[in-house]
Each structure stands twice: as C-alpha cells, then as structure tokens.
Amino acid sequence: MWPLHRSRNFKIEPNGSVHKFS
C-alpha cells in the first residue's frame, strides 16, 4: 500500500484504485 500518511498526493479509492494528484 502507498504511504498515504507521508504522501498527500496519493489517495486510495474504495474500489482499490490509486489516484495521484499532480
């Protein structure tokens, strides 16, 4: 899993997909 607590640019979707914000 992505280190969400360290990367605000990453978000885990309920379906399991990962969204990356630029």
Protein backbone atom coordinates (compact mmCIF):
# COMPACT_ATOMS: atom_id res chain seq x y z
CA MET A 1 0.00 0.00 0.00
CA TRP A 2 1.04 3.60 -0.53
CA PRO A 3 2.35 5.62 2.42
CA LEU A 4 -0.69 7.90 2.48
CA HIS A 5 0.36 9.40 5.78
CA ARG A 6 3.54 10.63 4.08
CA SER A 7 2.21 11.46 0.61
CA ARG A 8 -0.71 13.86 0.39
CA ASN A 9 -0.57 13.47 -3.40
CA PHE A 10 -1.88 9.91 -3.18
CA LYS A 11 -5.42 8.79 -2.42
CA ILE A 12 -6.83 5.26 -2.19
CA GLU A 13 -10.28 4.82 -3.70
CA PRO A 14 -12.88 2.44 -2.15
CA ASN A 15 -12.62 0.19 -5.22
CA GLY A 16 -8.89 -0.27 -4.62
CA SER A 17 -7.66 2.13 -7.27
CA VAL A 18 -4.98 4.71 -6.53
CA HIS A 19 -5.39 8.32 -7.61
CA LYS A 20 -2.30 10.51 -7.96
CA PHE A 21 -2.78 14.26 -7.79
CA SER A 22 -0.31 16.48 -9.60
